[in-house]
Amino acid sequence: MPTYEYRCEKCGRFEEFQRITDDPLKTCPRCGGPVKRLISSNVSIIFKGSGFYTTDNRSKEYKEQAKKENEATTSTSSTAASSAAH
């Protein structure tokens, strides 16, 4: 569940765990005063690797094996294409 940040006119700032589908709070859970939901900078996203694809973080062995398989597929399809042309 996401964490939303609110500002109470009486208490100050606080955070609340809510579902995305929940309506924003209208009153402070501590004092009952009016609250306003803030735009939060509390983002916990971590991007690893050089890009945003799941294959970017594969092991070296996996990448080498995939390269060999790709080369084998390419060579058999080019051989088949040259045989069909004759």
C-alpha atoms as a PDB file:
ATOM      1  CA  MET A   1       0.000   0.000   0.000  1.00  0.00           C
ATOM      2  CA  PRO A   2       1.240   3.495  -0.748  1.00  0.00           C
ATOM      3  CA  THR A   3       2.120   6.000   1.947  1.00  0.00           C
ATOM      4  CA  TYR A   4       0.420   9.377   1.621  1.00  0.00           C
ATOM      5  CA  GLU A   5       1.610  12.524   3.321  1.00  0.00           C
ATOM      6  CA  TYR A   6      -0.917  14.912   4.856  1.00  0.00           C
ATOM      7  CA  ARG A   7      -0.738  18.298   6.560  1.00  0.00           C
ATOM      8  CA  CYS A   8      -3.029  19.006   9.478  1.00  0.00           C
ATOM      9  CA  GLU A   9      -3.747  22.672  10.216  1.00  0.00           C
ATOM     10  CA  LYS A  10      -3.377  21.962  13.962  1.00  0.00           C
ATOM     11  CA  CYS A  11      -0.856  19.074  14.297  1.00  0.00           C
ATOM     12  CA  GLY A  12       1.396  19.516  11.268  1.00  0.00           C
ATOM     13  CA  ARG A  13       2.541  16.797   8.873  1.00  0.00           C
ATOM     14  CA  PHE A  14       1.875  13.079   9.145  1.00  0.00           C
ATOM     15  CA  GLU A  15       1.888   9.992   6.929  1.00  0.00           C
ATOM     16  CA  GLU A  16      -0.925   7.530   6.359  1.00  0.00           C
ATOM     17  CA  PHE A  17      -0.879   4.086   4.696  1.00  0.00           C
ATOM     18  CA  GLN A  18      -3.879   3.841   2.377  1.00  0.00           C
ATOM     19  CA  ARG A  19      -5.015   1.902  -0.647  1.00  0.00           C
ATOM     20  CA  ILE A  20      -4.860   3.701  -3.964  1.00  0.00           C
ATOM     21  CA  THR A  21      -8.625   3.400  -4.269  1.00  0.00           C
ATOM     22  CA  ASP A  22      -9.288   4.968  -0.842  1.00  0.00           C
ATOM     23  CA  ASP A  23     -10.557   8.539  -0.701  1.00  0.00           C
ATOM     24  CA  PRO A  24      -8.138  11.101   0.770  1.00  0.00           C
ATOM     25  CA  LEU A  25      -8.529  11.795   4.492  1.00  0.00           C
ATOM     26  CA  LYS A  26     -10.582  14.859   5.373  1.00  0.00           C
ATOM     27  CA  THR A  27      -9.862  14.950   9.104  1.00  0.00           C
ATOM     28  CA  CYS A  28      -6.744  14.342  11.197  1.00  0.00           C
ATOM     29  CA  PRO A  29      -6.783  10.980  13.001  1.00  0.00           C
ATOM     30  CA  ARG A  30      -5.039  12.593  16.027  1.00  0.00           C
ATOM     31  CA  CYS A  31      -6.976  15.818  16.623  1.00  0.00           C
ATOM     32  CA  GLY A  32      -9.899  15.714  14.170  1.00  0.00           C
ATOM     33  CA  GLY A  33      -8.794  18.934  12.451  1.00  0.00           C
ATOM     34  CA  PRO A  34      -8.988  19.479   8.679  1.00  0.00           C
ATOM     35  CA  VAL A  35      -6.187  17.988   6.572  1.00  0.00           C
ATOM     36  CA  LYS A  36      -4.834  18.369   3.059  1.00  0.00           C
ATOM     37  CA  ARG A  37      -3.020  15.617   1.140  1.00  0.00           C
ATOM     38  CA  LEU A  38       0.417  16.715  -0.047  1.00  0.00           C
ATOM     39  CA  ILE A  39       2.455  15.713  -3.064  1.00  0.00           C
ATOM     40  CA  SER A  40       5.039  13.451  -1.509  1.00  0.00           C
ATOM     41  CA  SER A  41       8.640  12.951  -2.534  1.00  0.00           C
ATOM     42  CA  ASN A  42       8.721   9.629  -0.685  1.00  0.00           C
ATOM     43  CA  VAL A  43       9.375   7.359  -3.676  1.00  0.00           C
ATOM     44  CA  SER A  44      11.192   4.075  -3.132  1.00  0.00           C
ATOM     45  CA  ILE A  45      11.958   2.998  -6.690  1.00  0.00           C
ATOM     46  CA  ILE A  46      15.358   1.518  -7.478  1.00  0.00           C
ATOM     47  CA  PHE A  47      16.530   1.094 -11.063  1.00  0.00           C
ATOM     48  CA  LYS A  48      19.500  -1.217 -11.497  1.00  0.00           C
ATOM     49  CA  GLY A  49      21.632  -1.714 -14.567  1.00  0.00           C
ATOM     50  CA  SER A  50      21.928   0.328 -17.718  1.00  0.00           C
ATOM     51  CA  GLY A  51      18.231   0.341 -18.566  1.00  0.00           C
ATOM     52  CA  PHE A  52      14.785  -0.642 -17.447  1.00  0.00           C
ATOM     53  CA  TYR A  53      14.486  -4.143 -18.905  1.00  0.00           C
ATOM     54  CA  THR A  54      14.511  -7.315 -16.826  1.00  0.00           C
ATOM     55  CA  THR A  55      17.271  -8.741 -18.999  1.00  0.00           C
ATOM     56  CA  ASP A  56      19.669  -5.901 -18.087  1.00  0.00           C
ATOM     57  CA  ASN A  57      20.602  -7.567 -14.794  1.00  0.00           C
ATOM     58  CA  ARG A  58      21.183 -11.091 -16.103  1.00  0.00           C
ATOM     59  CA  SER A  59      24.340 -12.974 -15.155  1.00  0.00           C
ATOM     60  CA  LYS A  60      27.349 -13.061 -17.469  1.00  0.00           C
ATOM     61  CA  GLU A  61      26.851 -16.808 -18.080  1.00  0.00           C
ATOM     62  CA  TYR A  62      23.215 -16.267 -19.057  1.00  0.00           C
ATOM     63  CA  LYS A  63      24.150 -13.539 -21.534  1.00  0.00           C
ATOM     64  CA  GLU A  64      26.901 -15.699 -23.092  1.00  0.00           C
ATOM     65  CA  GLN A  65      24.524 -18.672 -23.468  1.00  0.00           C
ATOM     66  CA  ALA A  66      21.834 -16.454 -25.023  1.00  0.00           C
ATOM     67  CA  LYS A  67      24.377 -15.038 -27.472  1.00  0.00           C
ATOM     68  CA  LYS A  68      25.473 -18.566 -28.524  1.00  0.00           C
ATOM     69  CA  GLU A  69      21.849 -19.630 -29.016  1.00  0.00           C
ATOM     70  CA  ASN A  70      21.112 -16.511 -31.052  1.00  0.00           C
ATOM     71  CA  GLU A  71      24.172 -17.080 -33.264  1.00  0.00           C
ATOM     72  CA  ALA A  72      23.195 -20.727 -33.780  1.00  0.00           C
ATOM     73  CA  THR A  73      19.649 -19.747 -34.745  1.00  0.00           C
ATOM     74  CA  THR A  74      20.912 -17.069 -37.131  1.00  0.00           C
ATOM     75  CA  SER A  75      23.397 -19.408 -38.844  1.00  0.00           C
ATOM     76  CA  THR A  76      20.830 -22.223 -39.344  1.00  0.00           C
ATOM     77  CA  SER A  77      18.239 -19.843 -40.746  1.00  0.00           C
ATOM     78  CA  SER A  78      20.753 -18.258 -43.168  1.00  0.00           C
ATOM     79  CA  THR A  79      21.891 -21.744 -44.263  1.00  0.00           C
ATOM     80  CA  ALA A  80      18.273 -22.763 -44.856  1.00  0.00           C
ATOM     81  CA  ALA A  81      17.629 -19.592 -46.819  1.00  0.00           C
ATOM     82  CA  SER A  82      20.667 -20.121 -49.084  1.00  0.00           C
ATOM     83  CA  SER A  83      19.646 -23.763 -49.667  1.00  0.00           C
ATOM     84  CA  ALA A  84      16.141 -22.692 -50.650  1.00  0.00           C
ATOM     85  CA  ALA A  85      17.505 -20.137 -53.090  1.00  0.00           C
ATOM     86  CA  HIS A  86      19.401 -22.813 -55.082  1.00  0.00           C
END
